[in-house]
Protein backbone atom coordinates (compact mmCIF):
# COMPACT_ATOMS: atom_id res chain seq x y z
CA MET A 1 34.27 -12.07 -21.47
CA LYS A 2 35.99 -9.75 -19.02
CA LEU A 3 35.82 -11.54 -15.70
CA PRO A 4 38.02 -10.73 -12.69
CA GLY A 5 40.26 -13.43 -11.33
CA HIS A 6 39.32 -15.99 -8.74
CA ASP A 7 40.86 -13.93 -5.93
CA ALA A 8 38.80 -10.90 -6.83
CA ILE A 9 35.62 -12.95 -6.80
CA ALA A 10 36.57 -14.42 -3.42
CA ARG A 11 37.20 -10.95 -2.00
CA GLN A 12 33.82 -9.78 -3.27
CA ALA A 13 32.13 -12.78 -1.65
CA ASP A 14 33.87 -12.04 1.66
CA GLU A 15 32.76 -8.42 1.53
CA HIS A 16 29.15 -9.47 0.99
CA LEU A 17 29.29 -12.30 3.53
CA VAL A 18 26.54 -11.33 5.96
CA THR A 19 23.99 -13.22 7.97
CA HIS A 20 21.40 -14.56 5.57
CA ARG A 21 18.16 -13.03 6.74
CA VAL A 22 14.68 -12.78 5.32
CA LYS A 23 12.86 -9.52 6.00
CA LEU A 24 9.13 -9.28 5.46
CA PRO A 25 7.26 -6.01 4.91
CA ARG A 26 6.34 -4.39 8.21
CA LYS A 27 3.39 -2.28 9.14
CA VAL A 28 4.10 1.20 10.41
CA VAL A 29 4.58 0.79 14.14
CA GLU A 30 5.95 2.93 16.94
CA ARG A 31 9.71 2.78 17.46
CA PRO A 32 10.77 0.26 20.17
CA ILE A 33 12.68 2.89 22.17
CA ARG A 34 9.61 5.10 22.24
CA GLN A 35 7.45 2.16 23.34
CA VAL A 36 9.80 1.32 26.22
CA ALA A 37 10.08 4.99 27.26
CA LYS A 38 6.31 5.33 27.26
CA ARG A 39 5.90 2.28 29.50
CA LEU A 40 8.60 3.48 31.87
CA LEU A 41 6.78 6.81 32.19
CA MET A 42 3.56 4.93 32.93
CA ALA A 43 5.32 2.90 35.62
CA LEU A 44 6.80 6.07 37.11
CA ALA A 45 3.35 7.67 37.15
CA VAL A 46 1.95 4.67 39.03
CA LEU A 47 4.83 4.90 41.53
CA ILE A 48 4.26 8.61 42.13
CA ALA A 49 0.50 8.13 42.48
CA THR A 50 1.04 5.36 45.05
CA ALA A 51 3.51 7.47 47.02
CA LEU A 52 1.10 10.41 47.12
CA ILE A 53 -1.76 8.18 48.26
CA VAL A 54 0.39 6.81 51.08
CA TYR A 55 1.60 10.26 52.08
CA ALA A 56 -1.95 11.62 52.12
CA ASP A 57 -2.77 9.01 54.78
CA HIS A 58 0.68 8.92 56.44
CA GLU A 59 -0.85 9.00 59.93
CA GLY A 60 -2.26 5.52 59.27
CA TYR A 61 1.24 4.10 58.72
CA ASN A 62 3.96 3.24 61.19
CA ASP A 63 7.71 3.41 60.55
CA ASN A 64 9.71 1.10 62.81
CA ALA A 65 12.63 3.53 62.62
CA ASP A 66 11.04 6.71 64.02
CA GLY A 67 7.30 6.03 64.10
CA SER A 68 6.37 8.70 61.55
CA VAL A 69 6.09 8.57 57.73
CA ASP A 70 7.24 11.58 55.73
CA LEU A 71 7.25 12.09 51.89
CA LEU A 72 10.53 10.21 51.45
CA ASP A 73 9.18 7.32 53.50
CA ALA A 74 6.04 7.33 51.35
CA PHE A 75 8.11 6.96 48.15
CA TYR A 76 10.21 4.27 49.81
CA TYR A 77 7.09 2.36 50.85
CA ALA A 78 5.59 2.71 47.36
CA THR A 79 8.79 1.40 45.77
CA VAL A 80 9.15 -1.72 47.95
CA THR A 81 5.41 -2.40 47.77
CA LEU A 82 5.00 -2.14 44.00
CA SER A 83 8.12 -4.22 43.43
CA THR A 84 6.69 -6.85 45.89
CA THR A 85 9.86 -6.59 47.99
CA GLY A 86 7.99 -5.73 51.21
CA TYR A 87 10.61 -5.30 53.92
CA GLY A 88 7.91 -4.67 56.56
CA ASP A 89 9.65 -1.72 58.18
CA ILE A 90 6.74 0.57 57.18
CA THR A 91 3.30 -0.96 57.69
CA PRO A 92 -0.31 0.25 57.54
CA VAL A 93 -1.74 0.21 61.06
CA SER A 94 -5.05 2.06 60.76
CA ASP A 95 -8.18 0.58 59.18
CA GLY A 96 -8.27 3.32 56.52
CA ALA A 97 -4.66 2.65 55.49
CA ARG A 98 -5.30 -1.08 55.26
CA LEU A 99 -8.45 -0.58 53.17
CA THR A 100 -6.46 1.74 50.90
CA ASN A 101 -3.84 -1.00 50.50
CA ILE A 102 -6.52 -3.56 49.62
CA PHE A 103 -8.53 -1.55 47.10
CA VAL A 104 -5.98 0.96 45.76
CA ILE A 105 -2.36 -0.05 46.41
CA THR A 106 -2.84 -3.69 45.39
CA PRO A 107 -4.44 -2.85 42.00
CA LEU A 108 -1.66 -0.32 41.42
CA ARG A 109 0.89 -3.03 42.25
CA VAL A 110 -0.69 -5.34 39.67
CA LEU A 111 -0.76 -2.54 37.09
CA PHE A 112 2.90 -1.77 37.79
CA LEU A 113 3.90 -5.40 37.25
CA ILE A 114 1.81 -5.65 34.08
CA ILE A 115 3.60 -2.64 32.62
CA LEU A 116 7.09 -3.95 33.35
CA VAL A 117 6.46 -7.63 32.68
CA GLY A 118 4.46 -6.81 29.57
CA THR A 119 7.42 -4.92 28.12
CA THR A 120 9.72 -7.86 28.82
CA LEU A 121 7.32 -10.39 27.32
CA GLU A 122 6.86 -8.28 24.21
CA VAL A 123 10.62 -8.19 23.64
CA LEU A 124 10.94 -11.94 24.26
CA THR A 125 8.06 -12.90 21.97
CA GLU A 126 9.04 -10.62 19.07
CA ARG A 127 11.43 -13.23 17.66
CA THR A 128 8.80 -15.96 18.01
CA ARG A 129 6.20 -13.90 16.16
CA GLU A 130 8.69 -13.08 13.41
CA GLU A 131 9.58 -16.78 13.02
CA TRP A 132 5.91 -17.65 12.77
CA ARG A 133 5.34 -15.01 10.08
CA LEU A 134 8.40 -16.24 8.21
CA ASN A 135 7.30 -19.88 8.27
CA ARG A 136 3.80 -18.94 7.15
CA TRP A 137 5.25 -16.79 4.35
CA ARG A 138 7.42 -19.66 3.12
CA SER A 139 4.54 -22.15 3.18
CA THR A 140 2.28 -19.92 1.04
CA LEU A 141 4.85 -18.55 -1.42
CA ARG A 142 4.40 -20.11 -4.88
CA ASP A 143 5.01 -18.96 -8.48
CA HIS A 144 6.50 -15.70 -7.30
CA THR A 145 9.09 -13.35 -8.82
CA VAL A 146 12.61 -13.13 -7.44
CA VAL A 147 14.57 -9.94 -8.14
CA VAL A 148 18.33 -10.08 -7.60
CA GLY A 149 19.63 -6.55 -7.18
CA PHE A 150 17.38 -3.65 -6.24
CA GLY A 151 19.27 -0.83 -7.90
CA THR A 152 17.95 1.32 -10.71
CA LYS A 153 17.52 -1.64 -13.09
CA GLY A 154 15.98 -3.99 -10.55
CA ARG A 155 13.62 -1.36 -9.14
CA SER A 156 12.44 -0.37 -12.63
CA ALA A 157 11.89 -4.02 -13.55
CA VAL A 158 9.77 -4.57 -10.43
CA GLN A 159 7.71 -1.46 -11.12
CA THR A 160 7.06 -2.70 -14.65
CA VAL A 161 5.88 -6.18 -13.67
CA CYS A 162 3.78 -4.77 -10.83
CA ALA A 163 2.14 -2.38 -13.29
CA THR A 164 0.87 -5.43 -15.20
CA GLY A 165 -0.96 -6.79 -12.16
CA LEU A 166 1.67 -8.65 -10.13
CA LYS A 167 1.04 -8.27 -6.40
CA LYS A 168 3.83 -6.98 -4.19
CA GLU A 169 3.37 -10.01 -1.94
CA GLN A 170 4.59 -12.13 -4.87
CA VAL A 171 7.94 -10.33 -5.19
CA VAL A 172 11.09 -11.23 -3.25
CA VAL A 173 14.15 -8.97 -3.48
CA VAL A 174 17.66 -10.34 -2.91
CA ASP A 175 20.51 -7.93 -2.22
CA PRO A 176 23.68 -7.96 -0.05
CA SER A 177 22.95 -4.48 1.36
CA SER A 178 20.71 -4.26 4.41
CA LYS A 179 19.85 -0.63 3.53
CA VAL A 180 18.63 -1.72 0.09
CA ILE A 181 16.51 -4.47 1.61
CA ASP A 182 15.07 -1.98 4.10
CA ALA A 183 14.08 0.21 1.15
CA ALA A 184 12.47 -2.79 -0.57
CA THR A 185 10.50 -3.85 2.50
CA SER A 186 9.32 -0.28 3.04
CA GLU A 187 7.74 -0.48 -0.43
CA GLY A 188 5.91 -3.69 0.47
CA PHE A 189 8.29 -6.34 -0.91
CA ALA A 190 9.85 -9.22 1.00
CA GLY A 191 13.64 -9.13 1.11
CA VAL A 192 16.57 -11.48 1.62
CA ILE A 193 19.90 -10.06 2.73
CA GLY A 194 22.84 -11.96 1.28
CA ASP A 195 25.06 -12.76 -1.68
CA ALA A 196 22.84 -14.18 -4.44
CA THR A 197 25.73 -16.19 -5.88
CA ARG A 198 25.32 -18.53 -2.91
CA SER A 199 22.66 -21.19 -3.30
CA GLU A 200 21.67 -20.92 0.38
CA VAL A 201 20.64 -17.29 -0.11
CA LEU A 202 18.56 -18.11 -3.19
CA ARG A 203 16.90 -21.00 -1.35
CA ARG A 204 15.82 -18.56 1.35
CA ALA A 205 14.15 -16.55 -1.41
CA GLU A 206 12.37 -19.78 -2.47
CA VAL A 207 13.94 -19.60 -5.94
CA HIS A 208 13.18 -23.28 -6.54
CA ARG A 209 9.45 -22.43 -6.47
CA ALA A 210 9.63 -19.14 -8.38
CA ARG A 211 8.06 -18.55 -11.76
CA GLN A 212 10.24 -15.61 -12.83
CA ILE A 213 13.74 -14.53 -11.85
CA ILE A 214 15.06 -11.06 -12.67
CA ILE A 215 18.83 -10.74 -12.34
CA ALA A 216 20.10 -7.15 -12.26
CA PRO A 217 23.30 -6.89 -10.20
CA GLN A 218 25.95 -4.21 -10.61
CA ARG A 219 28.57 -6.51 -12.15
CA ASP A 220 28.42 -8.82 -15.17
CA ASP A 221 30.44 -11.58 -13.50
CA THR A 222 27.98 -11.58 -10.61
CA ALA A 223 25.10 -11.87 -13.08
CA VAL A 224 26.73 -14.96 -14.63
CA LEU A 225 27.24 -16.70 -11.27
CA VAL A 226 23.71 -15.87 -10.10
CA THR A 227 22.22 -17.14 -13.36
CA LEU A 228 24.13 -20.42 -13.11
CA THR A 229 23.05 -20.93 -9.50
CA ALA A 230 19.42 -19.96 -10.14
CA ARG A 231 19.12 -22.24 -13.17
CA GLN A 232 20.58 -25.12 -11.17
CA LEU A 233 17.95 -24.61 -8.46
CA ASN A 234 15.03 -24.04 -10.84
CA ARG A 235 14.98 -25.60 -14.29
CA SER A 236 11.58 -24.26 -15.36
CA ALA A 237 11.59 -20.61 -14.24
CA LYS A 238 11.90 -17.78 -16.75
CA ILE A 239 15.22 -16.05 -16.10
CA VAL A 240 15.86 -12.56 -17.45
CA ALA A 241 19.27 -11.02 -16.81
CA ALA A 242 20.84 -7.62 -17.41
CA VAL A 243 24.48 -7.06 -18.38
CA ARG A 244 26.47 -3.94 -19.04
CA GLU A 245 28.68 -5.18 -21.88
CA GLU A 246 27.30 -6.61 -25.12
CA GLU A 247 30.07 -9.22 -25.34
CA ASN A 248 28.88 -10.83 -22.09
CA ALA A 249 25.33 -11.48 -23.31
CA PRO A 250 26.10 -14.86 -24.99
CA LEU A 251 27.68 -16.17 -21.80
CA LEU A 252 24.53 -15.24 -19.84
CA LYS A 253 22.42 -17.24 -22.30
CA GLN A 254 24.78 -20.19 -22.01
CA SER A 255 24.45 -19.92 -18.23
CA GLY A 256 20.69 -20.46 -18.46
CA ALA A 257 19.09 -17.04 -19.04
CA ASP A 258 16.02 -17.03 -21.28
CA ALA A 259 16.55 -13.38 -22.19
CA VAL A 260 19.48 -11.01 -21.75
CA ILE A 261 19.20 -7.24 -21.83
CA THR A 262 22.31 -5.16 -22.44
CA SER A 263 21.67 -2.05 -20.38
CA SER A 264 24.36 0.15 -21.95
CA GLY A 265 23.51 -1.01 -25.48
CA ALA A 266 19.77 -0.52 -24.99
CA ALA A 267 20.32 2.96 -23.60
CA GLY A 268 22.64 3.80 -26.50
CA ARG A 269 20.14 2.59 -29.10
CA LEU A 270 17.38 4.64 -27.49
CA LEU A 271 19.66 7.67 -27.54
CA GLY A 272 20.43 7.13 -31.21
CA LEU A 273 16.75 6.71 -32.05
CA SER A 274 15.93 9.93 -30.19
CA VAL A 275 18.60 11.77 -32.17
CA LEU A 276 17.16 10.56 -35.47
CA SER A 277 13.56 11.12 -34.37
CA PRO A 278 12.74 12.57 -30.93
CA ALA A 279 9.10 11.61 -31.44
CA ALA A 280 10.05 7.98 -32.14
CA GLY A 281 12.20 7.98 -29.02
CA MET A 282 9.25 9.25 -26.97
CA VAL A 283 7.00 6.53 -28.39
CA MET A 284 9.57 3.83 -27.60
CA GLU A 285 9.95 5.16 -24.05
CA ASP A 286 6.18 5.10 -23.69
CA LEU A 287 5.98 1.49 -24.92
CA ILE A 288 8.46 0.17 -22.37
CA GLN A 289 6.80 2.06 -19.51
CA GLN A 290 3.89 -0.09 -18.41
CA GLY A 291 0.64 1.36 -17.10
CA SER A 292 0.49 4.62 -19.04
CA GLY A 293 -0.01 5.63 -22.66
CA LEU A 294 0.71 2.71 -24.99
CA ASP A 295 1.73 -0.66 -23.58
CA LEU A 296 3.57 -3.48 -25.29
CA ILE A 297 2.16 -6.77 -23.99
CA GLU A 298 2.28 -10.48 -24.76
CA ARG A 299 -0.93 -12.47 -24.76
CA PRO A 300 -2.22 -15.80 -26.11
CA VAL A 301 -4.34 -16.05 -29.25
CA VAL A 302 -8.05 -16.27 -28.41
CA ARG A 303 -10.33 -18.70 -30.17
CA ALA A 304 -12.03 -15.97 -32.22
CA GLU A 305 -8.66 -14.98 -33.71
CA ALA A 306 -7.59 -18.49 -34.74
CA GLY A 307 -7.49 -18.84 -38.53
CA LYS A 308 -7.07 -15.09 -39.10
CA SER A 309 -4.01 -13.18 -40.17
CA PRO A 310 -2.26 -10.85 -37.68
CA ARG A 311 -3.65 -7.80 -39.52
CA GLU A 312 -7.25 -9.00 -39.01
CA THR A 313 -7.12 -8.93 -35.20
CA ASP A 314 -8.57 -6.05 -33.17
CA ASP A 315 -5.22 -5.26 -31.52
CA LEU A 316 -2.15 -3.89 -33.26
CA VAL A 317 0.03 -7.01 -33.60
CA VAL A 318 3.78 -6.43 -33.73
CA SER A 319 5.06 -10.01 -33.65
CA VAL A 320 3.83 -13.57 -33.37
CA VAL A 321 5.52 -16.05 -31.03
CA ARG A 322 5.29 -19.55 -32.47
CA GLY A 323 7.19 -22.21 -30.58
CA HIS A 324 10.66 -20.80 -29.96
CA ARG A 325 10.49 -18.38 -32.89
CA VAL A 326 9.48 -14.72 -32.81
CA LEU A 327 8.09 -13.74 -36.20
CA GLY A 328 7.28 -10.27 -37.49
CA TYR A 329 3.62 -9.50 -38.16
CA ASP A 330 4.32 -9.47 -41.93
CA ASP A 331 6.32 -12.70 -42.02
CA PRO A 332 4.74 -14.88 -44.75
CA SER A 333 5.57 -18.04 -42.81
CA ILE A 334 2.90 -17.09 -40.24
CA GLY A 335 0.01 -17.78 -42.55
CA THR A 336 -2.94 -17.75 -40.16
CA LEU A 337 -2.90 -17.57 -36.37
CA GLN A 338 -3.05 -20.75 -34.32
CA LEU A 339 -4.38 -21.27 -30.79
CA THR A 340 -0.88 -22.23 -29.64
CA ASP A 341 0.55 -18.90 -30.85
CA ARG A 342 1.15 -15.86 -28.72
CA LEU A 343 0.90 -12.26 -29.84
CA ILE A 344 3.06 -9.26 -29.06
CA THR A 345 0.59 -6.38 -29.32
CA ILE A 346 0.38 -2.66 -28.66
CA VAL A 347 -2.63 -1.63 -26.58
CA ARG A 348 -3.81 1.56 -24.96
CA ALA A 349 -3.25 1.50 -21.21
CA THR A 350 -6.50 2.10 -19.37
CA PRO A 351 -6.29 3.49 -15.80
CA GLY A 352 -7.49 0.89 -13.33
CA ALA A 353 -7.37 -1.93 -15.88
CA GLN A 354 -4.22 -4.00 -15.71
CA VAL A 355 -3.45 -6.66 -18.26
CA ALA A 356 -1.03 -9.30 -17.06
CA PRO A 357 1.11 -10.68 -19.86
CA HIS A 358 1.36 -14.40 -20.46
CA THR A 359 4.33 -15.48 -18.35
CA ARG A 360 4.98 -18.98 -19.67
CA PRO A 361 8.69 -19.12 -20.57
CA LEU A 362 9.74 -19.68 -24.14
CA PRO A 363 10.67 -23.28 -24.94
CA ARG A 364 14.39 -23.81 -24.55
CA ASP A 365 16.45 -25.27 -27.39
């Protein structure tokens, strides 16, 4: 296997060393800067309204400096009053001015404080709310799917499993890029920013409680390290990994992957098939694209099918999974179907009807 040296791996880890953070999907909300600007404008409007009210009744106020209250004095009085500073150099002396202070200025003062203090409290409590959401998310997350790497391969894998009925709330994306995680959360997935070769990052994604783990990083050596770490944390999860080079596939299986997909080899075989028969290439592309046209699914044998041959079932059976063996539909060793068997079948995808494949991992040798 072509792996870089230890120094290269260390440099890669240092480059991806970021604060391990979990990001949950957010609802569309107004930008914080816009929220603060809006509240500041509201506070300014209250200040101007108070100053105009004072100036309209300026004869009912007394300024210790010169005895009269002009527009500047009105704004000064509104500022020190709303901020509860209250120097006392400008005071209401008439009954009308005092009643205005009781029933108008005081409510405006309270409104002014609510606007400013409310903004501060919202900023201070944002972290607390996010921690509460995070703790609640962790406590309810079970049997989910962890996707390491949200590039072209990882994104396509997520779209495929979601097309079979998996909810977005049950998917956690792990990637060292904050921009990639932002893209994942914008699509409704939870995300963890960090290097997936580190066990702490995978623990934040609750890998030890996951049912399925999809490993699709950019480098084969990273895929090996992630597979080793994930298998150490979760012995029962189904792990599917992608590699670029065919020669690295055996090492991935030795590292604990249940299935290994060679991306370059698979693409090359599909290209070759399309050259020999463009129609066959289109059919194969349709089969691996879940949710439209023909779908290739795995399901258990139902009781009505037990004792029959694969050809006697209603669905088009391609293969039979028996124990750890995958047998062709025409393999004579199949005999008749058993309730413990599973079938790989081709079905017509019906809009609105999603069939979730059986996700129990194959028994390991």
